[in-house]
Amino acid sequence: MQKMLRIFLRRIKLLTRYDLEYLVRLILSGEESLGCVPLEYIELFIENVSERLGEEVAAQVKNCYNNSECPD
């Protein structure tokens, strides 16, 4: 795993449950966009969400990612 991916994974694992839930709420409400996040990072994020908040929430986050676009 690349160094930057390891750092990213470590940082999201350090988020408290409250902070992770808050971030997920922003994503699901559209206040936070995932459109420009590289796939490798999203996969790690969604896996972490699944482990900590459940598969249903992770599926919702994945759906938001799949429906988002990175502005030019």
C-alpha atoms as a PDB file:
ATOM      1  CA  MET A   1       0.000   0.000   0.000  1.00  0.00           C
ATOM      2  CA  GLN A   2       1.339   3.409  -0.903  1.00  0.00           C
ATOM      3  CA  LYS A   3       2.548   5.690   1.831  1.00  0.00           C
ATOM      4  CA  MET A   4      -0.187   8.293   1.187  1.00  0.00           C
ATOM      5  CA  LEU A   5      -2.915   5.650   1.332  1.00  0.00           C
ATOM      6  CA  ARG A   6      -1.542   4.381   4.658  1.00  0.00           C
ATOM      7  CA  ILE A   7      -1.532   7.918   6.035  1.00  0.00           C
ATOM      8  CA  PHE A   8      -5.097   8.478   4.830  1.00  0.00           C
ATOM      9  CA  LEU A   9      -6.271   5.219   6.388  1.00  0.00           C
ATOM     10  CA  ARG A  10      -4.584   6.042   9.669  1.00  0.00           C
ATOM     11  CA  ARG A  11      -6.236   9.476   9.722  1.00  0.00           C
ATOM     12  CA  ILE A  12      -9.743   8.189   9.082  1.00  0.00           C
ATOM     13  CA  LYS A  13      -9.290   5.498  11.725  1.00  0.00           C
ATOM     14  CA  LEU A  14      -8.394   8.241  14.205  1.00  0.00           C
ATOM     15  CA  LEU A  15     -11.741   9.961  13.658  1.00  0.00           C
ATOM     16  CA  THR A  16     -14.078   9.553  16.587  1.00  0.00           C
ATOM     17  CA  ARG A  17     -17.375   7.872  15.862  1.00  0.00           C
ATOM     18  CA  TYR A  18     -19.057  11.259  16.285  1.00  0.00           C
ATOM     19  CA  ASP A  19     -16.711  12.900  13.747  1.00  0.00           C
ATOM     20  CA  LEU A  20     -17.154  10.055  11.269  1.00  0.00           C
ATOM     21  CA  GLU A  21     -20.950  10.254  11.616  1.00  0.00           C
ATOM     22  CA  TYR A  22     -20.781  14.024  11.118  1.00  0.00           C
ATOM     23  CA  LEU A  23     -18.680  13.633   7.956  1.00  0.00           C
ATOM     24  CA  VAL A  24     -21.043  10.974   6.611  1.00  0.00           C
ATOM     25  CA  ARG A  25     -24.035  13.262   7.276  1.00  0.00           C
ATOM     26  CA  LEU A  26     -22.338  16.011   5.265  1.00  0.00           C
ATOM     27  CA  ILE A  27     -21.669  13.584   2.420  1.00  0.00           C
ATOM     28  CA  LEU A  28     -25.220  12.233   2.378  1.00  0.00           C
ATOM     29  CA  SER A  29     -26.748  15.715   2.504  1.00  0.00           C
ATOM     30  CA  GLY A  30     -24.571  16.856  -0.408  1.00  0.00           C
ATOM     31  CA  GLU A  31     -22.739  19.461   1.688  1.00  0.00           C
ATOM     32  CA  GLU A  32     -19.507  17.515   1.215  1.00  0.00           C
ATOM     33  CA  SER A  33     -18.623  16.158  -2.205  1.00  0.00           C
ATOM     34  CA  LEU A  34     -16.648  13.019  -2.983  1.00  0.00           C
ATOM     35  CA  GLY A  35     -16.430  13.620  -6.715  1.00  0.00           C
ATOM     36  CA  CYS A  36     -12.723  14.424  -6.859  1.00  0.00           C
ATOM     37  CA  VAL A  37     -11.561  11.794  -4.372  1.00  0.00           C
ATOM     38  CA  PRO A  38      -9.513   9.040  -6.036  1.00  0.00           C
ATOM     39  CA  LEU A  39     -11.129   5.599  -6.064  1.00  0.00           C
ATOM     40  CA  GLU A  40      -8.424   4.013  -3.874  1.00  0.00           C
ATOM     41  CA  TYR A  41      -9.167   6.496  -1.100  1.00  0.00           C
ATOM     42  CA  ILE A  42     -12.930   6.107  -1.377  1.00  0.00           C
ATOM     43  CA  GLU A  43     -12.614   2.343  -1.127  1.00  0.00           C
ATOM     44  CA  LEU A  44     -10.686   2.699   2.143  1.00  0.00           C
ATOM     45  CA  PHE A  45     -13.137   5.276   3.459  1.00  0.00           C
ATOM     46  CA  ILE A  46     -16.191   3.161   2.590  1.00  0.00           C
ATOM     47  CA  GLU A  47     -14.601   0.074   4.145  1.00  0.00           C
ATOM     48  CA  ASN A  48     -13.980   2.039   7.342  1.00  0.00           C
ATOM     49  CA  VAL A  49     -17.547   3.387   7.335  1.00  0.00           C
ATOM     50  CA  SER A  50     -18.852  -0.150   6.869  1.00  0.00           C
ATOM     51  CA  GLU A  51     -16.804  -1.462   9.795  1.00  0.00           C
ATOM     52  CA  ARG A  52     -17.769   1.358  12.139  1.00  0.00           C
ATOM     53  CA  LEU A  53     -21.234   2.512  11.040  1.00  0.00           C
ATOM     54  CA  GLY A  54     -22.586  -0.484   9.156  1.00  0.00           C
ATOM     55  CA  GLU A  55     -22.971  -1.762   5.631  1.00  0.00           C
ATOM     56  CA  GLU A  56     -26.161   0.211   4.941  1.00  0.00           C
ATOM     57  CA  VAL A  57     -24.485   3.541   5.700  1.00  0.00           C
ATOM     58  CA  ALA A  58     -21.443   2.513   3.653  1.00  0.00           C
ATOM     59  CA  ALA A  59     -23.720   1.666   0.708  1.00  0.00           C
ATOM     60  CA  GLN A  60     -25.277   5.130   0.935  1.00  0.00           C
ATOM     61  CA  VAL A  61     -21.847   6.755   0.912  1.00  0.00           C
ATOM     62  CA  LYS A  62     -20.811   4.615  -2.057  1.00  0.00           C
ATOM     63  CA  ASN A  63     -23.964   5.649  -3.900  1.00  0.00           C
ATOM     64  CA  CYS A  64     -23.152   9.315  -3.267  1.00  0.00           C
ATOM     65  CA  TYR A  65     -19.667   8.746  -4.668  1.00  0.00           C
ATOM     66  CA  ASN A  66     -21.000   6.965  -7.743  1.00  0.00           C
ATOM     67  CA  ASN A  67     -23.412   9.823  -8.413  1.00  0.00           C
ATOM     68  CA  SER A  68     -20.888  12.621  -7.869  1.00  0.00           C
ATOM     69  CA  GLU A  69     -18.736  14.385 -10.388  1.00  0.00           C
ATOM     70  CA  CYS A  70     -15.496  16.277 -10.100  1.00  0.00           C
ATOM     71  CA  PRO A  71     -15.928  19.814 -11.428  1.00  0.00           C
ATOM     72  CA  ASP A  72     -13.539  20.759 -14.210  1.00  0.00           C
END
